[in-house]
PDB file of N, CA and C in Angstrom:
ATOM      1  N   MET A   1     -14.855  15.856  17.806  1.00  0.00           N
ATOM      2  CA  MET A   1     -14.958  16.868  16.614  1.00  0.00           C
ATOM      3  C   MET A   1     -13.511  17.793  16.956  1.00  0.00           C
ATOM      4  N   GLU A   2     -13.396  18.028  18.355  1.00  0.00           N
ATOM      5  CA  GLU A   2     -12.286  18.902  18.569  1.00  0.00           C
ATOM      6  C   GLU A   2     -10.736  18.201  18.105  1.00  0.00           C
ATOM      7  N   LYS A   3     -10.848  16.896  18.062  1.00  0.00           N
ATOM      8  CA  LYS A   3      -9.657  16.136  17.284  1.00  0.00           C
ATOM      9  C   LYS A   3      -9.555  16.553  16.028  1.00  0.00           C
ATOM     10  N   ASN A   4     -10.732  16.360  15.328  1.00  0.00           N
ATOM     11  CA  ASN A   4     -10.615  16.794  13.790  1.00  0.00           C
ATOM     12  C   ASN A   4     -10.169  18.099  13.746  1.00  0.00           C
ATOM     13  N   ASN A   5     -10.567  19.014  14.351  1.00  0.00           N
ATOM     14  CA  ASN A   5     -10.231  20.606  14.207  1.00  0.00           C
ATOM     15  C   ASN A   5      -8.789  20.646  14.606  1.00  0.00           C
ATOM     16  N   LYS A   6      -8.368  19.806  15.513  1.00  0.00           N
ATOM     17  CA  LYS A   6      -6.792  19.995  15.819  1.00  0.00           C
ATOM     18  C   LYS A   6      -5.845  19.519  14.676  1.00  0.00           C
ATOM     19  N   GLN A   7      -6.545  18.111  14.090  1.00  0.00           N
ATOM     20  CA  GLN A   7      -5.800  17.681  13.026  1.00  0.00           C
ATOM     21  C   GLN A   7      -5.747  18.501  11.706  1.00  0.00           C
ATOM     22  N   GLU A   8      -6.688  19.188  11.339  1.00  0.00           N
ATOM     23  CA  GLU A   8      -6.967  20.107  10.329  1.00  0.00           C
ATOM     24  C   GLU A   8      -5.992  21.272  10.495  1.00  0.00           C
ATOM     25  N   GLN A   9      -5.878  21.782  11.706  1.00  0.00           N
ATOM     26  CA  GLN A   9      -4.977  22.796  11.791  1.00  0.00           C
ATOM     27  C   GLN A   9      -3.482  22.412  11.835  1.00  0.00           C
ATOM     28  N   ALA A  10      -3.130  21.459  12.229  1.00  0.00           N
ATOM     29  CA  ALA A  10      -1.826  20.747  12.075  1.00  0.00           C
ATOM     30  C   ALA A  10      -1.595  20.679  10.580  1.00  0.00           C
ATOM     31  N   MET A  11      -2.499  20.203  10.079  1.00  0.00           N
ATOM     32  CA  MET A  11      -2.273  19.516   8.577  1.00  0.00           C
ATOM     33  C   MET A  11      -2.027  20.972   7.716  1.00  0.00           C
ATOM     34  N   ASN A  12      -2.978  22.093   7.969  1.00  0.00           N
ATOM     35  CA  ASN A  12      -2.830  23.354   7.481  1.00  0.00           C
ATOM     36  C   ASN A  12      -1.515  24.154   7.798  1.00  0.00           C
ATOM     37  N   ASN A  13      -0.952  23.964   8.772  1.00  0.00           N
ATOM     38  CA  ASN A  13       0.350  24.534   9.136  1.00  0.00           C
ATOM     39  C   ASN A  13       1.760  23.685   9.099  1.00  0.00           C
ATOM     40  N   GLU A  14       2.177  23.471   8.199  1.00  0.00           N
ATOM     41  CA  GLU A  14       3.111  23.023   7.496  1.00  0.00           C
ATOM     42  C   GLU A  14       4.621  23.190   8.797  1.00  0.00           C
ATOM     43  N   GLU A  15       4.343  24.439   8.986  1.00  0.00           N
ATOM     44  CA  GLU A  15       5.694  24.717  10.243  1.00  0.00           C
ATOM     45  C   GLU A  15       5.589  23.701  11.523  1.00  0.00           C
ATOM     46  N   SER A  16       4.147  23.476  11.867  1.00  0.00           N
ATOM     47  CA  SER A  16       3.989  22.729  13.086  1.00  0.00           C
ATOM     48  C   SER A  16       4.149  21.174  12.837  1.00  0.00           C
ATOM     49  N   CYS A  17       4.510  20.912  11.730  1.00  0.00           N
ATOM     50  CA  CYS A  17       4.482  19.420  11.532  1.00  0.00           C
ATOM     51  C   CYS A  17       6.075  19.150  11.494  1.00  0.00           C
ATOM     52  N   SER A  18       6.294  18.082  12.277  1.00  0.00           N
ATOM     53  CA  SER A  18       7.566  17.376  12.435  1.00  0.00           C
ATOM     54  C   SER A  18       7.523  16.137  11.469  1.00  0.00           C
ATOM     55  N   ARG A  19       8.408  16.023  10.234  1.00  0.00           N
ATOM     56  CA  ARG A  19       7.897  14.939   9.338  1.00  0.00           C
ATOM     57  C   ARG A  19       9.214  13.650   9.518  1.00  0.00           C
ATOM     58  N   VAL A  20       9.058  12.689   9.696  1.00  0.00           N
ATOM     59  CA  VAL A  20      10.005  11.491   9.599  1.00  0.00           C
ATOM     60  C   VAL A  20       9.919  10.691   8.479  1.00  0.00           C
ATOM     61  N   LEU A  21      10.937  10.458   7.902  1.00  0.00           N
ATOM     62  CA  LEU A  21      11.091   9.405   6.625  1.00  0.00           C
ATOM     63  C   LEU A  21      11.154   7.959   7.308  1.00  0.00           C
ATOM     64  N   LEU A  22      10.025   7.479   6.989  1.00  0.00           N
ATOM     65  CA  LEU A  22       9.831   5.994   7.368  1.00  0.00           C
ATOM     66  C   LEU A  22      10.515   4.939   6.287  1.00  0.00           C
ATOM     67  N   SER A  23      10.237   5.237   5.086  1.00  0.00           N
ATOM     68  CA  SER A  23      10.874   4.188   4.289  1.00  0.00           C
ATOM     69  C   SER A  23      10.818   5.010   2.556  1.00  0.00           C
ATOM     70  N   LYS A  24      11.845   4.416   2.014  1.00  0.00           N
ATOM     71  CA  LYS A  24      11.891   5.039   0.562  1.00  0.00           C
ATOM     72  C   LYS A  24      12.532   4.032  -0.449  1.00  0.00           C
ATOM     73  N   ASN A  25      12.076   3.788  -1.697  1.00  0.00           N
ATOM     74  CA  ASN A  25      12.544   3.155  -2.619  1.00  0.00           C
ATOM     75  C   ASN A  25      12.312   3.710  -4.009  1.00  0.00           C
ATOM     76  N   GLU A  26      12.710   2.958  -4.955  1.00  0.00           N
ATOM     77  CA  GLU A  26      12.577   3.581  -6.301  1.00  0.00           C
ATOM     78  C   GLU A  26      11.207   3.821  -6.922  1.00  0.00           C
ATOM     79  N   ILE A  27       9.992   3.541  -6.301  1.00  0.00           N
ATOM     80  CA  ILE A  27       8.770   3.827  -6.548  1.00  0.00           C
ATOM     81  C   ILE A  27       8.126   5.183  -5.697  1.00  0.00           C
ATOM     82  N   GLY A  28       8.637   5.153  -4.380  1.00  0.00           N
ATOM     83  CA  GLY A  28       7.960   6.241  -3.676  1.00  0.00           C
ATOM     84  C   GLY A  28       8.719   6.100  -2.084  1.00  0.00           C
ATOM     85  N   ARG A  29       7.761   6.686  -1.420  1.00  0.00           N
ATOM     86  CA  ARG A  29       8.333   6.904  -0.020  1.00  0.00           C
ATOM     87  C   ARG A  29       6.988   6.914   1.112  1.00  0.00           C
ATOM     88  N   ILE A  30       7.614   6.759   2.550  1.00  0.00           N
ATOM     89  CA  ILE A  30       6.294   6.653   3.333  1.00  0.00           C
ATOM     90  C   ILE A  30       6.899   7.987   4.353  1.00  0.00           C
ATOM     91  N   VAL A  31       6.454   9.121   4.680  1.00  0.00           N
ATOM     92  CA  VAL A  31       6.740   9.778   5.737  1.00  0.00           C
ATOM     93  C   VAL A  31       5.730  10.058   6.827  1.00  0.00           C
ATOM     94  N   PHE A  32       6.262   9.979   7.906  1.00  0.00           N
ATOM     95  CA  PHE A  32       5.134  10.321   9.289  1.00  0.00           C
ATOM     96  C   PHE A  32       5.234  11.505   9.661  1.00  0.00           C
ATOM     97  N   CYS A  33       3.964  12.067   9.729  1.00  0.00           N
ATOM     98  CA  CYS A  33       3.894  13.612  10.689  1.00  0.00           C
ATOM     99  C   CYS A  33       3.634  13.411  11.914  1.00  0.00           C
ATOM    100  N   GLU A  34       4.477  13.713  12.838  1.00  0.00           N
ATOM    101  CA  GLU A  34       4.297  13.506  14.209  1.00  0.00           C
ATOM    102  C   GLU A  34       2.945  14.337  14.830  1.00  0.00           C
ATOM    103  N   GLY A  35       3.144  15.576  14.230  1.00  0.00           N
ATOM    104  CA  GLY A  35       2.033  16.564  14.687  1.00  0.00           C
ATOM    105  C   GLY A  35       0.566  15.966  14.388  1.00  0.00           C
ATOM    106  N   CYS A  36       0.613  15.338  13.305  1.00  0.00           N
ATOM    107  CA  CYS A  36      -0.900  15.039  12.744  1.00  0.00           C
ATOM    108  C   CYS A  36      -1.163  13.568  13.201  1.00  0.00           C
ATOM    109  N   SER A  37      -0.005  12.620  13.275  1.00  0.00           N
ATOM    110  CA  SER A  37      -0.312  11.216  13.560  1.00  0.00           C
ATOM    111  C   SER A  37      -0.566  10.626  12.150  1.00  0.00           C
ATOM    112  N   VAL A  38      -0.089  11.326  11.062  1.00  0.00           N
ATOM    113  CA  VAL A  38      -0.586  10.462   9.853  1.00  0.00           C
ATOM    114  C   VAL A  38       0.551  10.104   9.141  1.00  0.00           C
ATOM    115  N   ALA A  39       0.542   9.245   8.394  1.00  0.00           N
ATOM    116  CA  ALA A  39       1.574   8.624   7.442  1.00  0.00           C
ATOM    117  C   ALA A  39       1.256   9.059   6.127  1.00  0.00           C
ATOM    118  N   GLU A  40       2.046   9.566   5.321  1.00  0.00           N
ATOM    119  CA  GLU A  40       1.758   9.862   3.856  1.00  0.00           C
ATOM    120  C   GLU A  40       2.478   8.911   2.978  1.00  0.00           C
ATOM    121  N   LEU A  41       1.905   8.245   2.079  1.00  0.00           N
ATOM    122  CA  LEU A  41       2.532   7.461   1.040  1.00  0.00           C
ATOM    123  C   LEU A  41       2.307   8.202  -0.248  1.00  0.00           C
ATOM    124  N   GLU A  42       3.775   8.425  -0.697  1.00  0.00           N
ATOM    125  CA  GLU A  42       3.771   9.083  -1.854  1.00  0.00           C
ATOM    126  C   GLU A  42       4.241   8.320  -2.918  1.00  0.00           C
ATOM    127  N   ILE A  43       3.615   8.148  -4.082  1.00  0.00           N
ATOM    128  CA  ILE A  43       3.995   7.388  -5.211  1.00  0.00           C
ATOM    129  C   ILE A  43       3.852   8.176  -6.345  1.00  0.00           C
ATOM    130  N   GLY A  44       5.125   8.569  -7.100  1.00  0.00           N
ATOM    131  CA  GLY A  44       4.868   9.500  -8.123  1.00  0.00           C
ATOM    132  C   GLY A  44       4.318  10.807  -7.802  1.00  0.00           C
ATOM    133  N   ALA A  45       3.185  11.138  -8.572  1.00  0.00           N
ATOM    134  CA  ALA A  45       2.374  12.416  -8.124  1.00  0.00           C
ATOM    135  C   ALA A  45       1.061  12.188  -7.437  1.00  0.00           C
ATOM    136  N   ILE A  46       0.920  10.853  -6.649  1.00  0.00           N
ATOM    137  CA  ILE A  46      -0.176  10.175  -5.949  1.00  0.00           C
ATOM    138  C   ILE A  46       0.341  10.478  -4.508  1.00  0.00           C
ATOM    139  N   SER A  47      -0.441  11.220  -3.655  1.00  0.00           N
ATOM    140  CA  SER A  47       0.103  11.120  -2.226  1.00  0.00           C
ATOM    141  C   SER A  47      -1.317  10.614  -1.466  1.00  0.00           C
ATOM    142  N   LEU A  48      -1.006   9.599  -0.534  1.00  0.00           N
ATOM    143  CA  LEU A  48      -2.296   9.167   0.379  1.00  0.00           C
ATOM    144  C   LEU A  48      -1.819   9.225   1.845  1.00  0.00           C
ATOM    145  N   ARG A  49      -2.625   9.893   2.547  1.00  0.00           N
ATOM    146  CA  ARG A  49      -2.529  10.185   3.944  1.00  0.00           C
ATOM    147  C   ARG A  49      -3.392   9.277   4.579  1.00  0.00           C
ATOM    148  N   ILE A  50      -2.851   8.450   5.728  1.00  0.00           N
ATOM    149  CA  ILE A  50      -3.515   7.763   6.441  1.00  0.00           C
ATOM    150  C   ILE A  50      -2.995   7.762   7.767  1.00  0.00           C
ATOM    151  N   GLU A  51      -4.077   7.450   8.715  1.00  0.00           N
ATOM    152  CA  GLU A  51      -3.715   7.595  10.286  1.00  0.00           C
ATOM    153  C   GLU A  51      -2.516   6.478  10.416  1.00  0.00           C
ATOM    154  N   GLY A  52      -1.549   6.846  11.278  1.00  0.00           N
ATOM    155  CA  GLY A  52      -0.462   6.178  11.371  1.00  0.00           C
ATOM    156  C   GLY A  52      -0.868   4.530  12.042  1.00  0.00           C
ATOM    157  N   SER A  53      -1.819   4.798  12.805  1.00  0.00           N
ATOM    158  CA  SER A  53      -2.597   3.429  13.296  1.00  0.00           C
ATOM    159  C   SER A  53      -2.802   2.524  12.137  1.00  0.00           C
ATOM    160  N   ALA A  54      -3.443   2.995  11.196  1.00  0.00           N
ATOM    161  CA  ALA A  54      -4.075   2.257  10.219  1.00  0.00           C
ATOM    162  C   ALA A  54      -2.736   1.728   8.934  1.00  0.00           C
ATOM    163  N   LEU A  55      -1.449   1.980   9.359  1.00  0.00           N
ATOM    164  CA  LEU A  55      -0.241   1.703   8.298  1.00  0.00           C
ATOM    165  C   LEU A  55      -0.074   0.108   8.658  1.00  0.00           C
ATOM    166  N   ASN A  56      -0.196  -0.522   9.617  1.00  0.00           N
ATOM    167  CA  ASN A  56      -0.084  -2.110   9.734  1.00  0.00           C
ATOM    168  C   ASN A  56      -1.335  -2.846   9.002  1.00  0.00           C
ATOM    169  N   SER A  57      -2.600  -2.184   8.994  1.00  0.00           N
ATOM    170  CA  SER A  57      -3.594  -2.911   8.266  1.00  0.00           C
ATOM    171  C   SER A  57      -3.245  -2.646   6.795  1.00  0.00           C
ATOM    172  N   LEU A  58      -2.736  -1.599   6.479  1.00  0.00           N
ATOM    173  CA  LEU A  58      -2.325  -1.449   4.905  1.00  0.00           C
ATOM    174  C   LEU A  58      -1.348  -2.424   4.543  1.00  0.00           C
ATOM    175  N   LYS A  59      -0.175  -2.597   5.235  1.00  0.00           N
ATOM    176  CA  LYS A  59       1.054  -3.705   5.107  1.00  0.00           C
ATOM    177  C   LYS A  59       0.095  -4.927   5.152  1.00  0.00           C
ATOM    178  N   MET A  60      -0.816  -5.413   5.760  1.00  0.00           N
ATOM    179  CA  MET A  60      -1.637  -6.786   5.704  1.00  0.00           C
ATOM    180  C   MET A  60      -2.199  -6.767   4.496  1.00  0.00           C
ATOM    181  N   LEU A  61      -3.106  -5.665   4.100  1.00  0.00           N
ATOM    182  CA  LEU A  61      -3.632  -5.722   2.956  1.00  0.00           C
ATOM    183  C   LEU A  61      -2.966  -5.773   1.567  1.00  0.00           C
ATOM    184  N   LEU A  62      -1.639  -5.264   1.520  1.00  0.00           N
ATOM    185  CA  LEU A  62      -0.920  -5.315   0.417  1.00  0.00           C
ATOM    186  C   LEU A  62      -0.465  -6.663   0.417  1.00  0.00           C
ATOM    187  N   ALA A  63       0.103  -7.235   1.514  1.00  0.00           N
ATOM    188  CA  ALA A  63       0.819  -8.696   1.447  1.00  0.00           C
ATOM    189  C   ALA A  63      -0.247  -9.652   1.183  1.00  0.00           C
ATOM    190  N   ASP A  64      -1.558  -9.389   1.511  1.00  0.00           N
ATOM    191  CA  ASP A  64      -2.574 -10.454   1.233  1.00  0.00           C
ATOM    192  C   ASP A  64      -2.838 -10.342  -0.279  1.00  0.00           C
ATOM    193  N   ALA A  65      -2.791  -9.031  -0.705  1.00  0.00           N
ATOM    194  CA  ALA A  65      -3.100  -9.088  -2.215  1.00  0.00           C
ATOM    195  C   ALA A  65      -2.008  -9.619  -3.178  1.00  0.00           C
ATOM    196  N   THR A  66      -0.516  -9.402  -2.651  1.00  0.00           N
ATOM    197  CA  THR A  66       0.646  -9.854  -3.482  1.00  0.00           C
ATOM    198  C   THR A  66       0.657 -11.445  -3.183  1.00  0.00           C
ATOM    199  N   THR A  67       0.047 -11.858  -1.976  1.00  0.00           N
ATOM    200  CA  THR A  67       0.044 -13.572  -1.990  1.00  0.00           C
ATOM    201  C   THR A  67      -0.887 -14.120  -3.079  1.00  0.00           C
ATOM    202  N   ARG A  68      -2.195 -13.322  -3.139  1.00  0.00           N
ATOM    203  CA  ARG A  68      -3.333 -13.777  -3.869  1.00  0.00           C
ATOM    204  C   ARG A  68      -2.877 -13.768  -5.184  1.00  0.00           C
ATOM    205  N   LEU A  69      -2.174 -12.439  -5.623  1.00  0.00           N
ATOM    206  CA  LEU A  69      -1.856 -12.199  -7.129  1.00  0.00           C
ATOM    207  C   LEU A  69      -0.872 -13.432  -7.492  1.00  0.00           C
ATOM    208  N   THR A  70       0.194 -13.659  -6.820  1.00  0.00           N
ATOM    209  CA  THR A  70       1.099 -14.746  -6.999  1.00  0.00           C
ATOM    210  C   THR A  70       0.532 -16.057  -7.369  1.00  0.00           C
ATOM    211  N   LEU A  71      -0.376 -16.316  -6.289  1.00  0.00           N
ATOM    212  CA  LEU A  71      -1.235 -17.707  -6.680  1.00  0.00           C
ATOM    213  C   LEU A  71      -1.848 -17.582  -7.916  1.00  0.00           C
ATOM    214  N   TYR A  72      -2.600 -16.580  -8.001  1.00  0.00           N
ATOM    215  CA  TYR A  72      -3.216 -16.424  -9.497  1.00  0.00           C
ATOM    216  C   TYR A  72      -2.661 -16.588 -10.809  1.00  0.00           C
ATOM    217  N   GLN A  73      -1.423 -15.856 -10.596  1.00  0.00           N
ATOM    218  CA  GLN A  73      -0.599 -15.955 -11.767  1.00  0.00           C
ATOM    219  C   GLN A  73       0.004 -17.406 -12.024  1.00  0.00           C
ATOM    220  N   GLN A  74       0.350 -18.080 -10.904  1.00  0.00           N
ATOM    221  CA  GLN A  74       0.620 -19.548 -10.974  1.00  0.00           C
ATOM    222  C   GLN A  74      -0.299 -20.359 -11.706  1.00  0.00           C
ATOM    223  N   GLU A  75      -1.485 -20.197 -11.077  1.00  0.00           N
ATOM    224  CA  GLU A  75      -2.683 -20.813 -11.590  1.00  0.00           C
ATOM    225  C   GLU A  75      -2.771 -20.818 -13.080  1.00  0.00           C
ATOM    226  N   GLN A  76      -2.679 -19.506 -13.678  1.00  0.00           N
ATOM    227  CA  GLN A  76      -2.873 -19.104 -14.890  1.00  0.00           C
ATOM    228  C   GLN A  76      -1.645 -19.783 -15.876  1.00  0.00           C
ATOM    229  N   ALA A  77      -0.311 -20.014 -15.218  1.00  0.00           N
ATOM    230  CA  ALA A  77       0.549 -20.431 -16.036  1.00  0.00           C
ATOM    231  C   ALA A  77       0.429 -22.197 -16.045  1.00  0.00           C
ATOM    232  N   VAL A  78      -0.237 -22.604 -15.170  1.00  0.00           N
ATOM    233  CA  VAL A  78      -0.493 -23.927 -15.141  1.00  0.00           C
ATOM    234  C   VAL A  78      -1.700 -24.057 -16.477  1.00  0.00           C
ATOM    235  N   TYR A  79      -2.713 -23.404 -16.266  1.00  0.00           N
ATOM    236  CA  TYR A  79      -3.976 -23.737 -17.130  1.00  0.00           C
ATOM    237  C   TYR A  79      -3.536 -23.441 -18.615  1.00  0.00           C
ATOM    238  N   SER A  80      -2.333 -22.508 -18.826  1.00  0.00           N
ATOM    239  CA  SER A  80      -2.078 -22.192 -19.982  1.00  0.00           C
ATOM    240  C   SER A  80      -1.108 -22.857 -20.986  1.00  0.00           C
ATOM    241  N   LYS A  81      -0.506 -23.796 -20.344  1.00  0.00           N
ATOM    242  CA  LYS A  81       0.685 -24.732 -20.807  1.00  0.00           C
ATOM    243  C   LYS A  81      -0.416 -25.834 -21.751  1.00  0.00           C
ATOM    244  N   PRO A  82       0.178 -25.684 -22.955  1.00  0.00           N
ATOM    245  CA  PRO A  82      -0.440 -26.904 -23.750  1.00  0.00           C
ATOM    246  C   PRO A  82      -0.310 -28.083 -23.401  1.00  0.00           C
ATOM    247  N   THR A  83      -1.440 -28.992 -23.311  1.00  0.00           N
ATOM    248  CA  THR A  83      -1.414 -30.660 -22.883  1.00  0.00           C
ATOM    249  C   THR A  83      -1.465 -31.483 -23.931  1.00  0.00           C
ATOM    250  N   ALA A  84      -0.517 -32.503 -23.914  1.00  0.00           N
ATOM    251  CA  ALA A  84      -0.732 -33.608 -24.836  1.00  0.00           C
ATOM    252  C   ALA A  84      -1.983 -34.314 -24.811  1.00  0.00           C
ATOM    253  N   ILE A  85      -2.663 -34.311 -25.945  1.00  0.00           N
ATOM    254  CA  ILE A  85      -3.806 -34.901 -26.209  1.00  0.00           C
ATOM    255  C   ILE A  85      -3.622 -36.441 -26.967  1.00  0.00           C
ATOM    256  N   ASN A  86      -4.008 -37.462 -26.324  1.00  0.00           N
ATOM    257  CA  ASN A  86      -4.136 -38.571 -27.048  1.00  0.00           C
ATOM    258  C   ASN A  86      -5.239 -39.125 -27.822  1.00  0.00           C
ATOM    259  N   TYR A  87      -5.144 -38.874 -29.331  1.00  0.00           N
ATOM    260  CA  TYR A  87      -6.198 -39.170 -30.044  1.00  0.00           C
ATOM    261  C   TYR A  87      -6.566 -40.544 -30.309  1.00  0.00           C
ATOM    262  N   ASN A  88      -5.674 -41.548 -29.953  1.00  0.00           N
ATOM    263  CA  ASN A  88      -5.503 -42.938 -30.311  1.00  0.00           C
ATOM    264  C   ASN A  88      -6.363 -43.715 -29.429  1.00  0.00           C
ATOM    265  N   VAL A  89      -7.045 -42.966 -28.442  1.00  0.00           N
ATOM    266  CA  VAL A  89      -7.788 -43.777 -27.372  1.00  0.00           C
ATOM    267  C   VAL A  89      -9.269 -44.019 -28.148  1.00  0.00           C
ATOM    268  N   HIS A  90      -9.663 -45.214 -27.995  1.00  0.00           N
ATOM    269  CA  HIS A  90     -11.008 -45.637 -28.427  1.00  0.00           C
ATOM    270  C   HIS A  90     -11.978 -45.783 -27.509  1.00  0.00           C
TER     271      HIS A  90
END
């Protein structure tokens, strides 16, 4: 419980937070707050705060989803191709 109170106090006091830019591209950025041990993912107007230790799990989750989406799209492309039907078979 004490840890949660410390994190809440740190999150509420912007001046006590030291933020480090971890990554940035055209869709957003990830900033790490040393005082809170929280990574903040910002995409447009959406902001998601996660514990720094969960950042690797998020990476693996996104990588898995990307791989599965690619496989799904490849299968869809294969099944959507018109196939030649031989109507002369008796």
